[in-house]
Amino acid sequence: MALGLPIRSLTVDLPVIALTLAAIAHWIRGAPADALIFLAVTLVLLITERPHPEIAELGQPFRVPGFAVVAAGLLVLAFGRDSVPVAVAISAIGLVALVEEWRDPSLPVDRPVPHRAWLWSAVALSWCAWELLSFVYEQAAGGLSETHPTMSDLVDPLLTSRIVQALAITGWLAAGLAMLRAAATARRS
């Protein structure tokens, strides 16, 4: 116990810290809506990952149908990535996935964290730190920095075509759903 608080797993604490820092960065950059989204996700993580003394029964994992991902890609082709129909479709897919993830408990505390999880966590946190430093550098430089651009500055020019936008959204959603399926499989093994 540290300071009278129970010791918690780093698998919860590191994402909470990262999401809180992201919320602060969005607030500083003048995007309060993004900051509130990051804070809300942080609160949801804290609530859902609190210790549960009871052991929940695992049912069959729910799978978001693949056609939903393809439909989102087709909506991007038809309306563009910043349209209301695309936002509604992606939000619906995300809400279904979120509800289904809440249904299952996390990995048991006594199960060791796989070594590859630490590797990917280190890669993800390094990328987030790089992005944060790039953003701060860019803000200090007074705008777009050609010597130290953020990932969005590098990717946005590639996303001018609706075909590329549709492929990117489809790939992004498919990768997210694949990670959720892998997590559900790990919980059941």
C-alpha atoms as a PDB file:
ATOM      1  CA  MET A   1       0.000   0.000   0.000  1.00  0.00           C
ATOM      2  CA  ALA A   2       1.278   3.413  -0.934  1.00  0.00           C
ATOM      3  CA  LEU A   3       0.038   6.365   1.097  1.00  0.00           C
ATOM      4  CA  GLY A   4      -2.690   4.140   2.521  1.00  0.00           C
ATOM      5  CA  LEU A   5      -4.058   3.365  -0.947  1.00  0.00           C
ATOM      6  CA  PRO A   6      -4.141  -0.177  -2.295  1.00  0.00           C
ATOM      7  CA  ILE A   7      -1.475  -0.949  -4.879  1.00  0.00           C
ATOM      8  CA  ARG A   8      -2.993  -1.191  -8.341  1.00  0.00           C
ATOM      9  CA  SER A   9      -1.754  -2.727 -11.501  1.00  0.00           C
ATOM     10  CA  LEU A  10       0.256  -0.640 -13.956  1.00  0.00           C
ATOM     11  CA  THR A  11      -1.986  -1.936 -16.737  1.00  0.00           C
ATOM     12  CA  VAL A  12      -4.685   0.408 -15.432  1.00  0.00           C
ATOM     13  CA  ASP A  13      -2.556   3.213 -14.037  1.00  0.00           C
ATOM     14  CA  LEU A  14      -0.449   3.922 -17.148  1.00  0.00           C
ATOM     15  CA  PRO A  15      -3.439   4.380 -19.476  1.00  0.00           C
ATOM     16  CA  VAL A  16      -5.109   6.600 -16.874  1.00  0.00           C
ATOM     17  CA  ILE A  17      -1.996   8.787 -16.706  1.00  0.00           C
ATOM     18  CA  ALA A  18      -1.655   8.875 -20.505  1.00  0.00           C
ATOM     19  CA  LEU A  19      -5.322   9.743 -21.052  1.00  0.00           C
ATOM     20  CA  THR A  20      -5.198  12.450 -18.380  1.00  0.00           C
ATOM     21  CA  LEU A  21      -2.119  13.996 -19.998  1.00  0.00           C
ATOM     22  CA  ALA A  22      -3.851  13.857 -23.387  1.00  0.00           C
ATOM     23  CA  ALA A  23      -6.888  15.617 -21.887  1.00  0.00           C
ATOM     24  CA  ILE A  24      -4.663  18.347 -20.453  1.00  0.00           C
ATOM     25  CA  ALA A  25      -2.874  18.761 -23.794  1.00  0.00           C
ATOM     26  CA  HIS A  26      -6.198  19.109 -25.622  1.00  0.00           C
ATOM     27  CA  TRP A  27      -7.399  21.661 -23.062  1.00  0.00           C
ATOM     28  CA  ILE A  28      -4.197  23.684 -23.483  1.00  0.00           C
ATOM     29  CA  ARG A  29      -4.469  23.623 -27.272  1.00  0.00           C
ATOM     30  CA  GLY A  30      -7.970  25.067 -27.029  1.00  0.00           C
ATOM     31  CA  ALA A  31     -10.030  21.954 -27.790  1.00  0.00           C
ATOM     32  CA  PRO A  32     -12.242  21.567 -24.709  1.00  0.00           C
ATOM     33  CA  ALA A  33     -14.533  19.025 -26.416  1.00  0.00           C
ATOM     34  CA  ASP A  34     -11.567  16.713 -27.053  1.00  0.00           C
ATOM     35  CA  ALA A  35     -10.342  17.259 -23.486  1.00  0.00           C
ATOM     36  CA  LEU A  36     -13.757  16.284 -22.093  1.00  0.00           C
ATOM     37  CA  ILE A  37     -13.833  13.152 -24.257  1.00  0.00           C
ATOM     38  CA  PHE A  38     -10.422  12.075 -22.943  1.00  0.00           C
ATOM     39  CA  LEU A  39     -11.475  12.819 -19.357  1.00  0.00           C
ATOM     40  CA  ALA A  40     -14.704  10.866 -19.817  1.00  0.00           C
ATOM     41  CA  VAL A  41     -12.765   7.866 -21.149  1.00  0.00           C
ATOM     42  CA  THR A  42     -10.424   8.145 -18.156  1.00  0.00           C
ATOM     43  CA  LEU A  43     -13.360   8.108 -15.753  1.00  0.00           C
ATOM     44  CA  VAL A  44     -14.957   5.156 -17.544  1.00  0.00           C
ATOM     45  CA  LEU A  45     -11.646   3.276 -17.312  1.00  0.00           C
ATOM     46  CA  LEU A  46     -11.348   4.008 -13.602  1.00  0.00           C
ATOM     47  CA  ILE A  47     -14.926   2.889 -12.954  1.00  0.00           C
ATOM     48  CA  THR A  48     -14.845  -0.270 -15.052  1.00  0.00           C
ATOM     49  CA  GLU A  49     -11.408  -1.428 -13.940  1.00  0.00           C
ATOM     50  CA  ARG A  50     -12.027  -1.168 -10.218  1.00  0.00           C
ATOM     51  CA  PRO A  51     -11.489  -4.485  -8.424  1.00  0.00           C
ATOM     52  CA  HIS A  52     -14.459  -6.828  -8.408  1.00  0.00           C
ATOM     53  CA  PRO A  53     -14.451  -9.454  -5.669  1.00  0.00           C
ATOM     54  CA  GLU A  54     -16.966 -11.620  -7.463  1.00  0.00           C
ATOM     55  CA  ILE A  55     -15.984 -13.719 -10.447  1.00  0.00           C
ATOM     56  CA  ALA A  56     -18.180 -13.111 -13.433  1.00  0.00           C
ATOM     57  CA  GLU A  57     -19.222 -15.876 -15.754  1.00  0.00           C
ATOM     58  CA  LEU A  58     -17.845 -15.440 -19.260  1.00  0.00           C
ATOM     59  CA  GLY A  59     -20.304 -15.952 -22.056  1.00  0.00           C
ATOM     60  CA  GLN A  60     -19.559 -16.182 -25.729  1.00  0.00           C
ATOM     61  CA  PRO A  61     -17.710 -13.129 -27.048  1.00  0.00           C
ATOM     62  CA  PHE A  62     -19.821 -10.742 -29.069  1.00  0.00           C
ATOM     63  CA  ARG A  63     -18.516  -9.893 -32.476  1.00  0.00           C
ATOM     64  CA  VAL A  64     -19.337  -6.651 -34.224  1.00  0.00           C
ATOM     65  CA  PRO A  65     -20.262  -7.793 -37.723  1.00  0.00           C
ATOM     66  CA  GLY A  66     -17.673  -7.095 -40.392  1.00  0.00           C
ATOM     67  CA  PHE A  67     -20.309  -5.572 -42.650  1.00  0.00           C
ATOM     68  CA  ALA A  68     -20.585  -2.676 -40.178  1.00  0.00           C
ATOM     69  CA  VAL A  69     -16.947  -1.805 -40.860  1.00  0.00           C
ATOM     70  CA  VAL A  70     -17.459  -2.065 -44.620  1.00  0.00           C
ATOM     71  CA  ALA A  71     -20.638   0.045 -44.338  1.00  0.00           C
ATOM     72  CA  ALA A  72     -18.670   2.774 -42.547  1.00  0.00           C
ATOM     73  CA  GLY A  73     -16.135   2.744 -45.398  1.00  0.00           C
ATOM     74  CA  LEU A  74     -18.944   3.038 -47.961  1.00  0.00           C
ATOM     75  CA  LEU A  75     -20.449   5.952 -46.029  1.00  0.00           C
ATOM     76  CA  VAL A  76     -17.090   7.728 -46.190  1.00  0.00           C
ATOM     77  CA  LEU A  77     -17.045   7.201 -49.951  1.00  0.00           C
ATOM     78  CA  ALA A  78     -20.549   8.629 -50.240  1.00  0.00           C
ATOM     79  CA  PHE A  79     -20.422  11.510 -47.757  1.00  0.00           C
ATOM     80  CA  GLY A  80     -16.785  12.187 -46.752  1.00  0.00           C
ATOM     81  CA  ARG A  81     -15.026  11.509 -43.456  1.00  0.00           C
ATOM     82  CA  ASP A  82     -16.310  14.611 -41.648  1.00  0.00           C
ATOM     83  CA  SER A  83     -19.993  14.006 -42.348  1.00  0.00           C
ATOM     84  CA  VAL A  84     -22.810  13.338 -39.892  1.00  0.00           C
ATOM     85  CA  PRO A  85     -23.670   9.850 -41.308  1.00  0.00           C
ATOM     86  CA  VAL A  86     -20.050   8.716 -40.855  1.00  0.00           C
ATOM     87  CA  ALA A  87     -19.901  10.133 -37.324  1.00  0.00           C
ATOM     88  CA  VAL A  88     -23.145   8.337 -36.441  1.00  0.00           C
ATOM     89  CA  ALA A  89     -21.945   5.037 -37.936  1.00  0.00           C
ATOM     90  CA  ILE A  90     -18.570   5.129 -36.177  1.00  0.00           C
ATOM     91  CA  SER A  91     -20.214   6.174 -32.907  1.00  0.00           C
ATOM     92  CA  ALA A  92     -22.703   3.298 -33.172  1.00  0.00           C
ATOM     93  CA  ILE A  93     -19.922   0.772 -33.803  1.00  0.00           C
ATOM     94  CA  GLY A  94     -17.944   2.213 -30.897  1.00  0.00           C
ATOM     95  CA  LEU A  95     -20.906   2.148 -28.511  1.00  0.00           C
ATOM     96  CA  VAL A  96     -21.738  -1.475 -29.359  1.00  0.00           C
ATOM     97  CA  ALA A  97     -18.087  -2.449 -28.858  1.00  0.00           C
ATOM     98  CA  LEU A  98     -17.911  -0.484 -25.579  1.00  0.00           C
ATOM     99  CA  VAL A  99     -21.039  -2.120 -24.156  1.00  0.00           C
ATOM    100  CA  GLU A 100     -19.759  -5.562 -25.110  1.00  0.00           C
ATOM    101  CA  GLU A 101     -16.373  -4.913 -23.522  1.00  0.00           C
ATOM    102  CA  TRP A 102     -18.032  -3.747 -20.300  1.00  0.00           C
ATOM    103  CA  ARG A 103     -19.918  -7.026 -20.218  1.00  0.00           C
ATOM    104  CA  ASP A 104     -16.699  -9.035 -19.744  1.00  0.00           C
ATOM    105  CA  PRO A 105     -14.396  -8.694 -16.769  1.00  0.00           C
ATOM    106  CA  SER A 106     -10.760  -7.832 -17.291  1.00  0.00           C
ATOM    107  CA  LEU A 107      -7.967 -10.369 -17.128  1.00  0.00           C
ATOM    108  CA  PRO A 108      -7.677 -11.959 -13.688  1.00  0.00           C
ATOM    109  CA  VAL A 109      -5.193 -10.285 -11.345  1.00  0.00           C
ATOM    110  CA  ASP A 110      -3.267 -13.523 -10.815  1.00  0.00           C
ATOM    111  CA  ARG A 111      -2.558 -13.924 -14.546  1.00  0.00           C
ATOM    112  CA  PRO A 112       0.819 -12.484 -15.565  1.00  0.00           C
ATOM    113  CA  VAL A 113       0.919  -9.802 -18.217  1.00  0.00           C
ATOM    114  CA  PRO A 114       2.371 -11.267 -21.444  1.00  0.00           C
ATOM    115  CA  HIS A 115       5.829  -9.963 -22.358  1.00  0.00           C
ATOM    116  CA  ARG A 116       4.618  -8.747 -25.756  1.00  0.00           C
ATOM    117  CA  ALA A 117       2.051  -6.563 -23.976  1.00  0.00           C
ATOM    118  CA  TRP A 118       4.862  -4.644 -22.277  1.00  0.00           C
ATOM    119  CA  LEU A 119       6.616  -4.223 -25.636  1.00  0.00           C
ATOM    120  CA  TRP A 120       3.518  -2.857 -27.356  1.00  0.00           C
ATOM    121  CA  SER A 121       2.726  -0.658 -24.364  1.00  0.00           C
ATOM    122  CA  ALA A 122       6.234   0.797 -24.548  1.00  0.00           C
ATOM    123  CA  VAL A 123       5.837   1.426 -28.286  1.00  0.00           C
ATOM    124  CA  ALA A 124       2.432   3.066 -27.799  1.00  0.00           C
ATOM    125  CA  LEU A 125       3.591   5.243 -24.905  1.00  0.00           C
ATOM    126  CA  SER A 126       6.716   6.269 -26.831  1.00  0.00           C
ATOM    127  CA  TRP A 127       4.575   7.240 -29.800  1.00  0.00           C
ATOM    128  CA  CYS A 128       2.260   9.245 -27.527  1.00  0.00           C
ATOM    129  CA  ALA A 129       5.245  10.993 -25.919  1.00  0.00           C
ATOM    130  CA  TRP A 130       6.657  11.799 -29.376  1.00  0.00           C
ATOM    131  CA  GLU A 131       3.310  13.208 -30.474  1.00  0.00           C
ATOM    132  CA  LEU A 132       3.020  15.305 -27.329  1.00  0.00           C
ATOM    133  CA  LEU A 133       6.543  16.685 -27.767  1.00  0.00           C
ATOM    134  CA  SER A 134       5.860  17.381 -31.449  1.00  0.00           C
ATOM    135  CA  PHE A 135       2.648  19.174 -30.553  1.00  0.00           C
ATOM    136  CA  VAL A 136       4.327  21.293 -27.867  1.00  0.00           C
ATOM    137  CA  TYR A 137       7.205  22.107 -30.225  1.00  0.00           C
ATOM    138  CA  GLU A 138       4.746  23.018 -32.974  1.00  0.00           C
ATOM    139  CA  GLN A 139       2.793  25.318 -30.651  1.00  0.00           C
ATOM    140  CA  ALA A 140       5.990  27.000 -29.485  1.00  0.00           C
ATOM    141  CA  ALA A 141       7.035  27.479 -33.109  1.00  0.00           C
ATOM    142  CA  GLY A 142       3.749  29.247 -33.863  1.00  0.00           C
ATOM    143  CA  GLY A 143       2.114  26.657 -36.108  1.00  0.00           C
ATOM    144  CA  LEU A 144       2.997  23.856 -38.502  1.00  0.00           C
ATOM    145  CA  SER A 145       6.571  22.725 -38.010  1.00  0.00           C
ATOM    146  CA  GLU A 146       8.310  21.184 -40.997  1.00  0.00           C
ATOM    147  CA  THR A 147      11.224  19.981 -38.858  1.00  0.00           C
ATOM    148  CA  HIS A 148       9.142  18.312 -36.131  1.00  0.00           C
ATOM    149  CA  PRO A 149       5.596  17.645 -37.473  1.00  0.00           C
ATOM    150  CA  THR A 150       2.877  15.787 -35.615  1.00  0.00           C
ATOM    151  CA  MET A 151       1.458  12.573 -37.065  1.00  0.00           C
ATOM    152  CA  SER A 152      -1.726  14.337 -38.169  1.00  0.00           C
ATOM    153  CA  ASP A 153       0.378  16.877 -40.108  1.00  0.00           C
ATOM    154  CA  LEU A 154       2.027  13.981 -41.920  1.00  0.00           C
ATOM    155  CA  VAL A 155      -1.120  11.952 -42.544  1.00  0.00           C
ATOM    156  CA  ASP A 156      -3.655  14.665 -43.460  1.00  0.00           C
ATOM    157  CA  PRO A 157      -2.263  15.282 -46.959  1.00  0.00           C
ATOM    158  CA  LEU A 158      -2.679  11.567 -47.709  1.00  0.00           C
ATOM    159  CA  LEU A 159      -6.349  11.725 -46.744  1.00  0.00           C
ATOM    160  CA  THR A 160      -7.498  14.174 -49.407  1.00  0.00           C
ATOM    161  CA  SER A 161      -9.029  11.403 -51.525  1.00  0.00           C
ATOM    162  CA  ARG A 162     -12.316   9.858 -50.394  1.00  0.00           C
ATOM    163  CA  ILE A 163     -11.062   6.438 -51.487  1.00  0.00           C
ATOM    164  CA  VAL A 164      -8.052   6.729 -49.184  1.00  0.00           C
ATOM    165  CA  GLN A 165     -10.314   8.081 -46.425  1.00  0.00           C
ATOM    166  CA  ALA A 166     -12.644   5.079 -46.814  1.00  0.00           C
ATOM    167  CA  LEU A 167      -9.731   2.640 -46.739  1.00  0.00           C
ATOM    168  CA  ALA A 168      -8.237   4.360 -43.693  1.00  0.00           C
ATOM    169  CA  ILE A 169     -11.528   4.352 -41.743  1.00  0.00           C
ATOM    170  CA  THR A 170     -12.200   0.724 -42.685  1.00  0.00           C
ATOM    171  CA  GLY A 171      -8.683  -0.344 -41.663  1.00  0.00           C
ATOM    172  CA  TRP A 172      -8.830   1.664 -38.440  1.00  0.00           C
ATOM    173  CA  LEU A 173     -12.173   0.155 -37.407  1.00  0.00           C
ATOM    174  CA  ALA A 174     -11.115  -3.359 -38.421  1.00  0.00           C
ATOM    175  CA  ALA A 175      -7.884  -3.064 -36.393  1.00  0.00           C
ATOM    176  CA  GLY A 176      -9.791  -1.829 -33.344  1.00  0.00           C
ATOM    177  CA  LEU A 177     -12.306  -4.663 -33.559  1.00  0.00           C
ATOM    178  CA  ALA A 178      -9.482  -7.182 -34.040  1.00  0.00           C
ATOM    179  CA  MET A 179      -7.862  -5.933 -30.815  1.00  0.00           C
ATOM    180  CA  LEU A 180     -11.178  -6.295 -28.974  1.00  0.00           C
ATOM    181  CA  ARG A 181     -11.568  -9.838 -30.297  1.00  0.00           C
ATOM    182  CA  ALA A 182      -8.021 -10.707 -29.239  1.00  0.00           C
ATOM    183  CA  ALA A 183      -8.732  -9.367 -25.736  1.00  0.00           C
ATOM    184  CA  ALA A 184     -11.946 -11.405 -25.524  1.00  0.00           C
ATOM    185  CA  THR A 185     -10.068 -14.531 -26.642  1.00  0.00           C
ATOM    186  CA  ALA A 186      -7.336 -13.910 -24.053  1.00  0.00           C
ATOM    187  CA  ARG A 187      -9.929 -13.627 -21.293  1.00  0.00           C
ATOM    188  CA  ARG A 188     -11.355 -17.001 -22.243  1.00  0.00           C
ATOM    189  CA  SER A 189      -8.071 -18.888 -22.470  1.00  0.00           C
END
